[in-house]
Amino acid sequence: MADRTFTITKDGDEIPVIYTDDVLSEFRENKVALVDAEIETLRDRLFDRDDPPADAPRGADTRLGIVGPLIMEALDEGKETVVAQCVLWLAARHPEITGLEIFFGQFRYVSTAGADGASSMVH
């Protein structure tokens, strides 16, 4: 049972979110579809499904534009359960994303999808 860490950096402070493979497996089996539906409902309220935001890369998962702000808001409101569910959703749906940087209300994801597995930033 290996520990995994998703690192949230908020205005210079690191907030590690640690979970195990077992927790991620249980989330995938029991909760990922529910969280998918909740995120998609929020996304559909904010964006026209057939008309994604102009700055979204072609084929991008527009749900990522919902999850980042959800994490920021949950951190501000002390909603640890929401943070944990969003991190587990990211781990299940986008395992290449290993962190989130928040600075002055803006966010970007940290990813291992760069060249040769090096860290890179995705918005």
PDB file of N, CA and C in Angstrom:
ATOM      1  N   MET A   1       0.857  -1.171   0.000  1.00  0.00           N
ATOM      2  CA  MET A   1       0.000   0.000   0.000  1.00  0.00           C
ATOM      3  C   MET A   1       0.904   1.235   0.000  1.00  0.00           C
ATOM      4  N   ALA A   2       1.169   1.766  -1.181  1.00  0.00           N
ATOM      5  CA  ALA A   2       2.052   2.911  -1.329  1.00  0.00           C
ATOM      6  C   ALA A   2       1.285   4.215  -1.129  1.00  0.00           C
ATOM      7  N   ASP A   3       1.965   5.164  -0.508  1.00  0.00           N
ATOM      8  CA  ASP A   3       1.383   6.492  -0.377  1.00  0.00           C
ATOM      9  C   ASP A   3       1.664   7.298  -1.633  1.00  0.00           C
ATOM     10  N   ARG A   4       0.693   8.082  -2.029  1.00  0.00           N
ATOM     11  CA  ARG A   4       0.848   9.016  -3.146  1.00  0.00           C
ATOM     12  C   ARG A   4       0.604  10.414  -2.602  1.00  0.00           C
ATOM     13  N   THR A   5       1.248  11.384  -3.211  1.00  0.00           N
ATOM     14  CA  THR A   5       1.080  12.767  -2.763  1.00  0.00           C
ATOM     15  C   THR A   5       0.708  13.659  -3.933  1.00  0.00           C
ATOM     16  N   PHE A   6      -0.321  14.434  -3.745  1.00  0.00           N
ATOM     17  CA  PHE A   6      -0.728  15.492  -4.661  1.00  0.00           C
ATOM     18  C   PHE A   6      -0.419  16.780  -3.915  1.00  0.00           C
ATOM     19  N   THR A   7       0.422  17.632  -4.483  1.00  0.00           N
ATOM     20  CA  THR A   7       0.853  18.833  -3.778  1.00  0.00           C
ATOM     21  C   THR A   7       0.107  20.058  -4.287  1.00  0.00           C
ATOM     22  N   ILE A   8      -0.567  20.710  -3.356  1.00  0.00           N
ATOM     23  CA  ILE A   8      -1.217  21.980  -3.650  1.00  0.00           C
ATOM     24  C   ILE A   8      -0.319  23.065  -3.068  1.00  0.00           C
ATOM     25  N   THR A   9       0.065  24.015  -3.893  1.00  0.00           N
ATOM     26  CA  THR A   9       0.845  25.155  -3.425  1.00  0.00           C
ATOM     27  C   THR A   9      -0.053  26.376  -3.532  1.00  0.00           C
ATOM     28  N   LYS A  10      -0.351  26.958  -2.366  1.00  0.00           N
ATOM     29  CA  LYS A  10      -1.246  28.122  -2.345  1.00  0.00           C
ATOM     30  C   LYS A  10      -0.488  29.319  -1.797  1.00  0.00           C
ATOM     31  N   ASP A  11      -0.279  30.300  -2.669  1.00  0.00           N
ATOM     32  CA  ASP A  11       0.433  31.521  -2.301  1.00  0.00           C
ATOM     33  C   ASP A  11       1.742  31.214  -1.580  1.00  0.00           C
ATOM     34  N   GLY A  12       2.456  30.206  -2.073  1.00  0.00           N
ATOM     35  CA  GLY A  12       3.773  29.844  -1.547  1.00  0.00           C
ATOM     36  C   GLY A  12       3.765  28.775  -0.471  1.00  0.00           C
ATOM     37  N   ASP A  13       2.620  28.461   0.099  1.00  0.00           N
ATOM     38  CA  ASP A  13       2.529  27.426   1.134  1.00  0.00           C
ATOM     39  C   ASP A  13       2.158  26.092   0.502  1.00  0.00           C
ATOM     40  N   GLU A  14       2.938  25.052   0.824  1.00  0.00           N
ATOM     41  CA  GLU A  14       2.641  23.718   0.289  1.00  0.00           C
ATOM     42  C   GLU A  14       1.645  22.993   1.176  1.00  0.00           C
ATOM     43  N   ILE A  15       0.662  22.392   0.539  1.00  0.00           N
ATOM     44  CA  ILE A  15      -0.357  21.600   1.225  1.00  0.00           C
ATOM     45  C   ILE A  15      -0.343  20.220   0.576  1.00  0.00           C
ATOM     46  N   PRO A  16       0.357  19.261   1.188  1.00  0.00           N
ATOM     47  CA  PRO A  16       0.367  17.920   0.595  1.00  0.00           C
ATOM     48  C   PRO A  16      -0.929  17.179   0.906  1.00  0.00           C
ATOM     49  N   VAL A  17      -1.491  16.557  -0.107  1.00  0.00           N
ATOM     50  CA  VAL A  17      -2.668  15.707   0.075  1.00  0.00           C
ATOM     51  C   VAL A  17      -2.177  14.288  -0.174  1.00  0.00           C
ATOM     52  N   ILE A  18      -2.155  13.487   0.884  1.00  0.00           N
ATOM     53  CA  ILE A  18      -1.587  12.140   0.819  1.00  0.00           C
ATOM     54  C   ILE A  18      -2.714  11.115   0.830  1.00  0.00           C
ATOM     55  N   TYR A  19      -2.616  10.149  -0.081  1.00  0.00           N
ATOM     56  CA  TYR A  19      -3.612   9.080  -0.161  1.00  0.00           C
ATOM     57  C   TYR A  19      -2.907   7.802  -0.588  1.00  0.00           C
ATOM     58  N   THR A  20      -3.581   6.682  -0.405  1.00  0.00           N
ATOM     59  CA  THR A  20      -2.996   5.385  -0.755  1.00  0.00           C
ATOM     60  C   THR A  20      -3.622   4.844  -2.034  1.00  0.00           C
ATOM     61  N   ASP A  21      -2.965   3.849  -2.606  1.00  0.00           N
ATOM     62  CA  ASP A  21      -3.516   3.181  -3.785  1.00  0.00           C
ATOM     63  C   ASP A  21      -4.876   2.562  -3.469  1.00  0.00           C
ATOM     64  N   ASP A  22      -5.027   2.028  -2.249  1.00  0.00           N
ATOM     65  CA  ASP A  22      -6.308   1.428  -1.857  1.00  0.00           C
ATOM     66  C   ASP A  22      -7.433   2.466  -1.842  1.00  0.00           C
ATOM     67  N   VAL A  23      -7.137   3.646  -1.310  1.00  0.00           N
ATOM     68  CA  VAL A  23      -8.139   4.712  -1.271  1.00  0.00           C
ATOM     69  C   VAL A  23      -8.518   5.119  -2.693  1.00  0.00           C
ATOM     70  N   LEU A  24      -7.515   5.243  -3.572  1.00  0.00           N
ATOM     71  CA  LEU A  24      -7.790   5.605  -4.963  1.00  0.00           C
ATOM     72  C   LEU A  24      -8.611   4.522  -5.657  1.00  0.00           C
ATOM     73  N   SER A  25      -8.287   3.262  -5.423  1.00  0.00           N
ATOM     74  CA  SER A  25      -9.053   2.156  -6.025  1.00  0.00           C
ATOM     75  C   SER A  25     -10.505   2.176  -5.560  1.00  0.00           C
ATOM     76  N   GLU A  26     -10.707   2.384  -4.268  1.00  0.00           N
ATOM     77  CA  GLU A  26     -12.072   2.447  -3.735  1.00  0.00           C
ATOM     78  C   GLU A  26     -12.836   3.634  -4.332  1.00  0.00           C
ATOM     79  N   PHE A  27     -12.154   4.765  -4.473  1.00  0.00           N
ATOM     80  CA  PHE A  27     -12.782   5.942  -5.081  1.00  0.00           C
ATOM     81  C   PHE A  27     -13.191   5.641  -6.517  1.00  0.00           C
ATOM     82  N   ARG A  28     -12.296   5.013  -7.266  1.00  0.00           N
ATOM     83  CA  ARG A  28     -12.606   4.668  -8.667  1.00  0.00           C
ATOM     84  C   ARG A  28     -13.829   3.754  -8.751  1.00  0.00           C
ATOM     85  N   GLU A  29     -13.902   2.788  -7.850  1.00  0.00           N
ATOM     86  CA  GLU A  29     -14.997   1.815  -7.875  1.00  0.00           C
ATOM     87  C   GLU A  29     -16.326   2.406  -7.421  1.00  0.00           C
ATOM     88  N   ASN A  30     -16.286   3.272  -6.413  1.00  0.00           N
ATOM     89  CA  ASN A  30     -17.527   3.680  -5.760  1.00  0.00           C
ATOM     90  C   ASN A  30     -17.956   5.128  -5.953  1.00  0.00           C
ATOM     91  N   LYS A  31     -17.023   6.018  -6.291  1.00  0.00           N
ATOM     92  CA  LYS A  31     -17.402   7.433  -6.274  1.00  0.00           C
ATOM     93  C   LYS A  31     -17.074   8.220  -7.531  1.00  0.00           C
ATOM     94  N   VAL A  32     -16.189   7.722  -8.379  1.00  0.00           N
ATOM     95  CA  VAL A  32     -15.746   8.545  -9.506  1.00  0.00           C
ATOM     96  C   VAL A  32     -16.905   8.923 -10.426  1.00  0.00           C
ATOM     97  N   ALA A  33     -17.839   8.034 -10.661  1.00  0.00           N
ATOM     98  CA  ALA A  33     -18.976   8.347 -11.539  1.00  0.00           C
ATOM     99  C   ALA A  33     -19.855   9.440 -10.927  1.00  0.00           C
ATOM    100  N   LEU A  34     -20.039   9.392  -9.617  1.00  0.00           N
ATOM    101  CA  LEU A  34     -20.832  10.416  -8.936  1.00  0.00           C
ATOM    102  C   LEU A  34     -20.152  11.777  -9.035  1.00  0.00           C
ATOM    103  N   VAL A  35     -18.850  11.812  -8.792  1.00  0.00           N
ATOM    104  CA  VAL A  35     -18.114  13.076  -8.878  1.00  0.00           C
ATOM    105  C   VAL A  35     -18.086  13.570 -10.323  1.00  0.00           C
ATOM    106  N   ASP A  36     -17.915  12.653 -11.288  1.00  0.00           N
ATOM    107  CA  ASP A  36     -18.006  13.033 -12.708  1.00  0.00           C
ATOM    108  C   ASP A  36     -19.312  13.784 -12.968  1.00  0.00           C
ATOM    109  N   ALA A  37     -20.409  13.216 -12.516  1.00  0.00           N
ATOM    110  CA  ALA A  37     -21.729  13.812 -12.759  1.00  0.00           C
ATOM    111  C   ALA A  37     -21.848  15.191 -12.114  1.00  0.00           C
ATOM    112  N   GLU A  38     -21.340  15.335 -10.888  1.00  0.00           N
ATOM    113  CA  GLU A  38     -21.410  16.626 -10.206  1.00  0.00           C
ATOM    114  C   GLU A  38     -20.593  17.681 -10.943  1.00  0.00           C
ATOM    115  N   ILE A  39     -19.386  17.313 -11.359  1.00  0.00           N
ATOM    116  CA  ILE A  39     -18.515  18.256 -12.073  1.00  0.00           C
ATOM    117  C   ILE A  39     -19.124  18.615 -13.424  1.00  0.00           C
ATOM    118  N   GLU A  40     -19.665  17.622 -14.117  1.00  0.00           N
ATOM    119  CA  GLU A  40     -20.265  17.884 -15.428  1.00  0.00           C
ATOM    120  C   GLU A  40     -21.497  18.777 -15.313  1.00  0.00           C
ATOM    121  N   THR A  41     -22.266  18.611 -14.261  1.00  0.00           N
ATOM    122  CA  THR A  41     -23.418  19.483 -14.034  1.00  0.00           C
ATOM    123  C   THR A  41     -22.964  20.925 -13.849  1.00  0.00           C
ATOM    124  N   LEU A  42     -21.933  21.127 -13.037  1.00  0.00           N
ATOM    125  CA  LEU A  42     -21.395  22.475 -12.842  1.00  0.00           C
ATOM    126  C   LEU A  42     -20.850  23.040 -14.148  1.00  0.00           C
ATOM    127  N   ARG A  43     -20.097  22.219 -14.875  1.00  0.00           N
ATOM    128  CA  ARG A  43     -19.520  22.662 -16.149  1.00  0.00           C
ATOM    129  C   ARG A  43     -20.623  23.068 -17.119  1.00  0.00           C
ATOM    130  N   ASP A  44     -21.658  22.249 -17.213  1.00  0.00           N
ATOM    131  CA  ASP A  44     -22.736  22.532 -18.161  1.00  0.00           C
ATOM    132  C   ASP A  44     -23.509  23.794 -17.788  1.00  0.00           C
ATOM    133  N   ARG A  45     -23.577  24.098 -16.496  1.00  0.00           N
ATOM    134  CA  ARG A  45     -24.223  25.337 -16.075  1.00  0.00           C
ATOM    135  C   ARG A  45     -23.393  26.556 -16.478  1.00  0.00           C
ATOM    136  N   LEU A  46     -22.065  26.392 -16.435  1.00  0.00           N
ATOM    137  CA  LEU A  46     -21.176  27.517 -16.725  1.00  0.00           C
ATOM    138  C   LEU A  46     -20.855  27.683 -18.202  1.00  0.00           C
ATOM    139  N   PHE A  47     -20.777  26.568 -18.920  1.00  0.00           N
ATOM    140  CA  PHE A  47     -20.375  26.604 -20.326  1.00  0.00           C
ATOM    141  C   PHE A  47     -21.390  25.852 -21.167  1.00  0.00           C
ATOM    142  N   ASP A  48     -21.524  26.269 -22.397  1.00  0.00           N
ATOM    143  CA  ASP A  48     -22.312  25.520 -23.365  1.00  0.00           C
ATOM    144  C   ASP A  48     -21.467  24.326 -23.786  1.00  0.00           C
ATOM    145  N   ARG A  49     -21.966  23.135 -23.599  1.00  0.00           N
ATOM    146  CA  ARG A  49     -21.211  21.915 -23.897  1.00  0.00           C
ATOM    147  C   ARG A  49     -20.667  21.914 -25.325  1.00  0.00           C
ATOM    148  N   ASP A  50     -21.430  22.461 -26.271  1.00  0.00           N
ATOM    149  CA  ASP A  50     -20.997  22.481 -27.667  1.00  0.00           C
ATOM    150  C   ASP A  50     -20.133  23.692 -27.998  1.00  0.00           C
ATOM    151  N   ASP A  51     -19.928  24.576 -27.024  1.00  0.00           N
ATOM    152  CA  ASP A  51     -19.135  25.782 -27.245  1.00  0.00           C
ATOM    153  C   ASP A  51     -18.203  25.982 -26.056  1.00  0.00           C
ATOM    154  N   PRO A  52     -17.096  25.194 -25.984  1.00  0.00           N
ATOM    155  CA  PRO A  52     -16.192  25.302 -24.843  1.00  0.00           C
ATOM    156  C   PRO A  52     -15.512  26.667 -24.805  1.00  0.00           C
ATOM    157  N   PRO A  53     -14.911  27.021 -23.668  1.00  0.00           N
ATOM    158  CA  PRO A  53     -14.225  28.313 -23.571  1.00  0.00           C
ATOM    159  C   PRO A  53     -13.203  28.475 -24.699  1.00  0.00           C
ATOM    160  N   ALA A  54     -13.058  29.697 -25.182  1.00  0.00           N
ATOM    161  CA  ALA A  54     -12.169  29.962 -26.319  1.00  0.00           C
ATOM    162  C   ALA A  54     -10.725  29.580 -26.039  1.00  0.00           C
ATOM    163  N   ASP A  55     -10.292  29.676 -24.775  1.00  0.00           N
ATOM    164  CA  ASP A  55      -8.897  29.373 -24.463  1.00  0.00           C
ATOM    165  C   ASP A  55      -8.662  27.893 -24.159  1.00  0.00           C
ATOM    166  N   ALA A  56      -9.691  27.070 -24.240  1.00  0.00           N
ATOM    167  CA  ALA A  56      -9.524  25.631 -23.984  1.00  0.00           C
ATOM    168  C   ALA A  56      -8.859  24.972 -25.191  1.00  0.00           C
ATOM    169  N   PRO A  57      -7.762  24.233 -24.951  1.00  0.00           N
ATOM    170  CA  PRO A  57      -7.120  23.530 -26.065  1.00  0.00           C
ATOM    171  C   PRO A  57      -8.081  22.524 -26.686  1.00  0.00           C
ATOM    172  N   ARG A  58      -7.947  22.322 -27.981  1.00  0.00           N
ATOM    173  CA  ARG A  58      -8.810  21.384 -28.703  1.00  0.00           C
ATOM    174  C   ARG A  58      -8.747  20.007 -28.033  1.00  0.00           C
ATOM    175  N   GLY A  59      -9.883  19.432 -27.745  1.00  0.00           N
ATOM    176  CA  GLY A  59      -9.936  18.117 -27.126  1.00  0.00           C
ATOM    177  C   GLY A  59      -9.659  18.121 -25.628  1.00  0.00           C
ATOM    178  N   ALA A  60      -9.519  19.307 -25.042  1.00  0.00           N
ATOM    179  CA  ALA A  60      -9.205  19.397 -23.616  1.00  0.00           C
ATOM    180  C   ALA A  60     -10.399  18.959 -22.775  1.00  0.00           C
ATOM    181  N   ASP A  61     -10.107  18.451 -21.601  1.00  0.00           N
ATOM    182  CA  ASP A  61     -11.148  18.092 -20.648  1.00  0.00           C
ATOM    183  C   ASP A  61     -11.551  19.371 -19.924  1.00  0.00           C
ATOM    184  N   THR A  62     -12.659  19.976 -20.331  1.00  0.00           N
ATOM    185  CA  THR A  62     -13.077  21.246 -19.744  1.00  0.00           C
ATOM    186  C   THR A  62     -13.462  21.112 -18.274  1.00  0.00           C
ATOM    187  N   ARG A  63     -13.598  19.884 -17.800  1.00  0.00           N
ATOM    188  CA  ARG A  63     -13.881  19.692 -16.373  1.00  0.00           C
ATOM    189  C   ARG A  63     -12.722  20.185 -15.516  1.00  0.00           C
ATOM    190  N   LEU A  64     -11.509  20.211 -16.088  1.00  0.00           N
ATOM    191  CA  LEU A  64     -10.355  20.715 -15.340  1.00  0.00           C
ATOM    192  C   LEU A  64     -10.541  22.182 -14.970  1.00  0.00           C
ATOM    193  N   GLY A  65     -11.249  22.928 -15.801  1.00  0.00           N
ATOM    194  CA  GLY A  65     -11.529  24.328 -15.506  1.00  0.00           C
ATOM    195  C   GLY A  65     -12.535  24.511 -14.388  1.00  0.00           C
ATOM    196  N   ILE A  66     -13.201  23.456 -14.003  1.00  0.00           N
ATOM    197  CA  ILE A  66     -14.141  23.475 -12.883  1.00  0.00           C
ATOM    198  C   ILE A  66     -13.448  23.011 -11.602  1.00  0.00           C
ATOM    199  N   VAL A  67     -12.621  21.975 -11.707  1.00  0.00           N
ATOM    200  CA  VAL A  67     -12.006  21.358 -10.527  1.00  0.00           C
ATOM    201  C   VAL A  67     -11.028  22.303  -9.833  1.00  0.00           C
ATOM    202  N   GLY A  68     -10.214  23.030 -10.600  1.00  0.00           N
ATOM    203  CA  GLY A  68      -9.262  23.968  -9.985  1.00  0.00           C
ATOM    204  C   GLY A  68      -9.958  24.981  -9.087  1.00  0.00           C
ATOM    205  N   PRO A  69     -10.962  25.703  -9.607  1.00  0.00           N
ATOM    206  CA  PRO A  69     -11.691  26.643  -8.758  1.00  0.00           C
ATOM    207  C   PRO A  69     -12.423  25.970  -7.589  1.00  0.00           C
ATOM    208  N   LEU A  70     -12.921  24.752  -7.796  1.00  0.00           N
ATOM    209  CA  LEU A  70     -13.563  24.030  -6.684  1.00  0.00           C
ATOM    210  C   LEU A  70     -12.571  23.805  -5.548  1.00  0.00           C
ATOM    211  N   ILE A  71     -11.350  23.402  -5.900  1.00  0.00           N
ATOM    212  CA  ILE A  71     -10.320  23.182  -4.879  1.00  0.00           C
ATOM    213  C   ILE A  71      -9.990  24.500  -4.183  1.00  0.00           C
ATOM    214  N   MET A  72      -9.816  25.575  -4.953  1.00  0.00           N
ATOM    215  CA  MET A  72      -9.492  26.878  -4.348  1.00  0.00           C
ATOM    216  C   MET A  72     -10.575  27.305  -3.363  1.00  0.00           C
ATOM    217  N   GLU A  73     -11.823  27.195  -3.780  1.00  0.00           N
ATOM    218  CA  GLU A  73     -12.943  27.591  -2.921  1.00  0.00           C
ATOM    219  C   GLU A  73     -13.024  26.705  -1.678  1.00  0.00           C
ATOM    220  N   ALA A  74     -12.845  25.404  -1.865  1.00  0.00           N
ATOM    221  CA  ALA A  74     -12.914  24.476  -0.732  1.00  0.00           C
ATOM    222  C   ALA A  74     -11.800  24.751   0.274  1.00  0.00           C
ATOM    223  N   LEU A  75     -10.611  25.092  -0.204  1.00  0.00           N
ATOM    224  CA  LEU A  75      -9.520  25.446   0.707  1.00  0.00           C
ATOM    225  C   LEU A  75      -9.882  26.688   1.509  1.00  0.00           C
ATOM    226  N   ASP A  76     -10.416  27.699   0.838  1.00  0.00           N
ATOM    227  CA  ASP A  76     -10.793  28.944   1.513  1.00  0.00           C
ATOM    228  C   ASP A  76     -11.879  28.723   2.555  1.00  0.00           C
ATOM    229  N   GLU A  77     -12.760  27.762   2.294  1.00  0.00           N
ATOM    230  CA  GLU A  77     -13.891  27.510   3.193  1.00  0.00           C
ATOM    231  C   GLU A  77     -13.634  26.370   4.173  1.00  0.00           C
ATOM    232  N   GLY A  78     -12.429  25.785   4.134  1.00  0.00           N
ATOM    233  CA  GLY A  78     -12.091  24.697   5.054  1.00  0.00           C
ATOM    234  C   GLY A  78     -12.837  23.404   4.785  1.00  0.00           C
ATOM    235  N   LYS A  79     -13.221  23.180   3.543  1.00  0.00           N
ATOM    236  CA  LYS A  79     -13.969  21.973   3.174  1.00  0.00           C
ATOM    237  C   LYS A  79     -12.998  20.894   2.699  1.00  0.00           C
ATOM    238  N   GLU A  80     -12.373  20.221   3.654  1.00  0.00           N
ATOM    239  CA  GLU A  80     -11.349  19.223   3.345  1.00  0.00           C
ATOM    240  C   GLU A  80     -11.889  18.052   2.534  1.00  0.00           C
ATOM    241  N   THR A  81     -13.131  17.670   2.768  1.00  0.00           N
ATOM    242  CA  THR A  81     -13.717  16.549   2.031  1.00  0.00           C
ATOM    243  C   THR A  81     -13.823  16.873   0.546  1.00  0.00           C
ATOM    244  N   VAL A  82     -14.193  18.098   0.221  1.00  0.00           N
ATOM    245  CA  VAL A  82     -14.287  18.509  -1.184  1.00  0.00           C
ATOM    246  C   VAL A  82     -12.904  18.503  -1.820  1.00  0.00           C
ATOM    247  N   VAL A  83     -11.903  19.023  -1.094  1.00  0.00           N
ATOM    248  CA  VAL A  83     -10.523  19.005  -1.602  1.00  0.00           C
ATOM    249  C   VAL A  83     -10.104  17.570  -1.888  1.00  0.00           C
ATOM    250  N   ALA A  84     -10.345  16.674  -0.933  1.00  0.00           N
ATOM    251  CA  ALA A  84      -9.944  15.269  -1.093  1.00  0.00           C
ATOM    252  C   ALA A  84     -10.640  14.626  -2.290  1.00  0.00           C
ATOM    253  N   GLN A  85     -11.945  14.857  -2.443  1.00  0.00           N
ATOM    254  CA  GLN A  85     -12.665  14.265  -3.575  1.00  0.00           C
ATOM    255  C   GLN A  85     -12.157  14.801  -4.909  1.00  0.00           C
ATOM    256  N   CYS A  86     -11.848  16.089  -4.963  1.00  0.00           N
ATOM    257  CA  CYS A  86     -11.318  16.667  -6.204  1.00  0.00           C
ATOM    258  C   CYS A  86      -9.941  16.099  -6.527  1.00  0.00           C
ATOM    259  N   VAL A  87      -9.098  15.952  -5.510  1.00  0.00           N
ATOM    260  CA  VAL A  87      -7.762  15.385  -5.727  1.00  0.00           C
ATOM    261  C   VAL A  87      -7.878  13.940  -6.190  1.00  0.00           C
ATOM    262  N   LEU A  88      -8.738  13.162  -5.565  1.00  0.00           N
ATOM    263  CA  LEU A  88      -8.920  11.771  -5.992  1.00  0.00           C
ATOM    264  C   LEU A  88      -9.505  11.707  -7.402  1.00  0.00           C
ATOM    265  N   TRP A  89     -10.401  12.622  -7.738  1.00  0.00           N
ATOM    266  CA  TRP A  89     -10.937  12.659  -9.099  1.00  0.00           C
ATOM    267  C   TRP A  89      -9.815  12.937 -10.094  1.00  0.00           C
ATOM    268  N   LEU A  90      -8.958  13.905  -9.771  1.00  0.00           N
ATOM    269  CA  LEU A  90      -7.819  14.203 -10.648  1.00  0.00           C
ATOM    270  C   LEU A  90      -6.917  12.985 -10.793  1.00  0.00           C
ATOM    271  N   ALA A  91      -6.650  12.295  -9.685  1.00  0.00           N
ATOM    272  CA  ALA A  91      -5.785  11.107  -9.730  1.00  0.00           C
ATOM    273  C   ALA A  91      -6.408  10.003 -10.576  1.00  0.00           C
ATOM    274  N   ALA A  92      -7.729   9.883 -10.522  1.00  0.00           N
ATOM    275  CA  ALA A  92      -8.415   8.842 -11.288  1.00  0.00           C
ATOM    276  C   ALA A  92      -8.533   9.198 -12.767  1.00  0.00           C
ATOM    277  N   ARG A  93      -8.864  10.434 -13.065  1.00  0.00           N
ATOM    278  CA  ARG A  93      -9.136  10.846 -14.445  1.00  0.00           C
ATOM    279  C   ARG A  93      -7.922  11.436 -15.166  1.00  0.00           C
ATOM    280  N   HIS A  94      -7.000  12.007 -14.420  1.00  0.00           N
ATOM    281  CA  HIS A  94      -5.813  12.659 -15.002  1.00  0.00           C
ATOM    282  C   HIS A  94      -4.589  12.326 -14.153  1.00  0.00           C
ATOM    283  N   PRO A  95      -4.139  11.071 -14.169  1.00  0.00           N
ATOM    284  CA  PRO A  95      -3.021  10.666 -13.305  1.00  0.00           C
ATOM    285  C   PRO A  95      -1.718  11.403 -13.598  1.00  0.00           C
ATOM    286  N   GLU A  96      -1.618  12.029 -14.759  1.00  0.00           N
ATOM    287  CA  GLU A  96      -0.412  12.794 -15.083  1.00  0.00           C
ATOM    288  C   GLU A  96      -0.332  14.099 -14.295  1.00  0.00           C
ATOM    289  N   ILE A  97      -1.448  14.545 -13.727  1.00  0.00           N
ATOM    290  CA  ILE A  97      -1.465  15.780 -12.933  1.00  0.00           C
ATOM    291  C   ILE A  97      -1.098  15.423 -11.499  1.00  0.00           C
ATOM    292  N   THR A  98      -0.030  16.046 -11.011  1.00  0.00           N
ATOM    293  CA  THR A  98       0.500  15.706  -9.689  1.00  0.00           C
ATOM    294  C   THR A  98       0.401  16.844  -8.691  1.00  0.00           C
ATOM    295  N   GLY A  99      -0.103  17.975  -9.131  1.00  0.00           N
ATOM    296  CA  GLY A  99      -0.206  19.090  -8.206  1.00  0.00           C
ATOM    297  C   GLY A  99      -1.004  20.240  -8.782  1.00  0.00           C
ATOM    298  N   LEU A 100      -1.227  21.218  -7.924  1.00  0.00           N
ATOM    299  CA  LEU A 100      -1.976  22.413  -8.295  1.00  0.00           C
ATOM    300  C   LEU A 100      -1.279  23.598  -7.648  1.00  0.00           C
ATOM    301  N   GLU A 101      -0.974  24.608  -8.439  1.00  0.00           N
ATOM    302  CA  GLU A 101      -0.393  25.836  -7.911  1.00  0.00           C
ATOM    303  C   GLU A 101      -1.442  26.934  -7.966  1.00  0.00           C
ATOM    304  N   ILE A 102      -1.633  27.603  -6.828  1.00  0.00           N
ATOM    305  CA  ILE A 102      -2.595  28.696  -6.723  1.00  0.00           C
ATOM    306  C   ILE A 102      -1.819  29.931  -6.285  1.00  0.00           C
ATOM    307  N   PHE A 103      -1.962  31.004  -7.045  1.00  0.00           N
ATOM    308  CA  PHE A 103      -1.255  32.231  -6.711  1.00  0.00           C
ATOM    309  C   PHE A 103      -2.152  33.408  -7.058  1.00  0.00           C
ATOM    310  N   PHE A 104      -2.509  34.178  -6.046  1.00  0.00           N
ATOM    311  CA  PHE A 104      -3.379  35.339  -6.223  1.00  0.00           C
ATOM    312  C   PHE A 104      -4.656  35.005  -6.988  1.00  0.00           C
ATOM    313  N   GLY A 105      -5.289  33.909  -6.609  1.00  0.00           N
ATOM    314  CA  GLY A 105      -6.575  33.549  -7.191  1.00  0.00           C
ATOM    315  C   GLY A 105      -6.519  32.914  -8.567  1.00  0.00           C
ATOM    316  N   GLN A 106      -5.333  32.695  -9.094  1.00  0.00           N
ATOM    317  CA  GLN A 106      -5.160  32.013 -10.377  1.00  0.00           C
ATOM    318  C   GLN A 106      -4.599  30.627 -10.094  1.00  0.00           C
ATOM    319  N   PHE A 107      -4.869  29.676 -10.967  1.00  0.00           N
ATOM    320  CA  PHE A 107      -4.355  28.335 -10.734  1.00  0.00           C
ATOM    321  C   PHE A 107      -3.771  27.748 -11.996  1.00  0.00           C
ATOM    322  N   ARG A 108      -2.902  26.780 -11.787  1.00  0.00           N
ATOM    323  CA  ARG A 108      -2.395  25.962 -12.887  1.00  0.00           C
ATOM    324  C   ARG A 108      -2.013  24.610 -12.312  1.00  0.00           C
ATOM    325  N   TYR A 109      -2.190  23.605 -13.135  1.00  0.00           N
ATOM    326  CA  TYR A 109      -1.884  22.240 -12.728  1.00  0.00           C
ATOM    327  C   TYR A 109      -0.414  21.942 -12.992  1.00  0.00           C
ATOM    328  N   VAL A 110       0.154  21.107 -12.148  1.00  0.00           N
ATOM    329  CA  VAL A 110       1.504  20.601 -12.345  1.00  0.00           C
ATOM    330  C   VAL A 110       1.345  19.194 -12.884  1.00  0.00           C
ATOM    331  N   SER A 111       2.078  18.894 -13.943  1.00  0.00           N
ATOM    332  CA  SER A 111       1.911  17.616 -14.626  1.00  0.00           C
ATOM    333  C   SER A 111       3.249  16.950 -14.879  1.00  0.00           C
ATOM    334  N   THR A 112       3.241  15.626 -14.897  1.00  0.00           N
ATOM    335  CA  THR A 112       4.440  14.871 -15.263  1.00  0.00           C
ATOM    336  C   THR A 112       4.424  14.523 -16.738  1.00  0.00           C
ATOM    337  N   ALA A 113       3.529  15.133 -17.498  1.00  0.00           N
ATOM    338  CA  ALA A 113       3.380  14.800 -18.914  1.00  0.00           C
ATOM    339  C   ALA A 113       4.375  15.529 -19.808  1.00  0.00           C
ATOM    340  N   GLY A 114       5.335  16.236 -19.214  1.00  0.00           N
ATOM    341  CA  GLY A 114       6.337  16.939 -20.009  1.00  0.00           C
ATOM    342  C   GLY A 114       7.295  15.960 -20.664  1.00  0.00           C
ATOM    343  N   ALA A 115       8.236  16.495 -21.400  1.00  0.00           N
ATOM    344  CA  ALA A 115       9.227  15.664 -22.083  1.00  0.00           C
ATOM    345  C   ALA A 115       9.977  14.808 -21.073  1.00  0.00           C
ATOM    346  N   ASP A 116      10.117  13.544 -21.357  1.00  0.00           N
ATOM    347  CA  ASP A 116      10.836  12.593 -20.505  1.00  0.00           C
ATOM    348  C   ASP A 116      10.294  12.547 -19.080  1.00  0.00           C
ATOM    349  N   GLY A 117       9.008  12.815 -18.912  1.00  0.00           N
ATOM    350  CA  GLY A 117       8.394  12.749 -17.596  1.00  0.00           C
ATOM    351  C   GLY A 117       8.710  13.934 -16.707  1.00  0.00           C
ATOM    352  N   ALA A 118       9.373  14.953 -17.254  1.00  0.00           N
ATOM    353  CA  ALA A 118       9.697  16.139 -16.468  1.00  0.00           C
ATOM    354  C   ALA A 118       8.415  16.908 -16.163  1.00  0.00           C
ATOM    355  N   SER A 119       8.431  17.637 -15.057  1.00  0.00           N
ATOM    356  CA  SER A 119       7.259  18.427 -14.688  1.00  0.00           C
ATOM    357  C   SER A 119       7.012  19.520 -15.705  1.00  0.00           C
ATOM    358  N   SER A 120       5.760  19.767 -15.961  1.00  0.00           N
ATOM    359  CA  SER A 120       5.374  20.878 -16.817  1.00  0.00           C
ATOM    360  C   SER A 120       4.091  21.459 -16.261  1.00  0.00           C
ATOM    361  N   MET A 121       3.692  22.594 -16.752  1.00  0.00           N
ATOM    362  CA  MET A 121       2.485  23.246 -16.275  1.00  0.00           C
ATOM    363  C   MET A 121       1.396  23.128 -17.322  1.00  0.00           C
ATOM    364  N   VAL A 122       0.196  22.873 -16.860  1.00  0.00           N
ATOM    365  CA  VAL A 122      -0.969  22.899 -17.732  1.00  0.00           C
ATOM    366  C   VAL A 122      -2.001  23.783 -17.069  1.00  0.00           C
ATOM    367  N   HIS A 123      -2.764  24.493 -17.862  1.00  0.00           N
ATOM    368  CA  HIS A 123      -3.777  25.405 -17.295  1.00  0.00           C
ATOM    369  C   HIS A 123      -5.127  24.767 -17.379  1.00  0.00           C
TER     370      HIS A 123
END
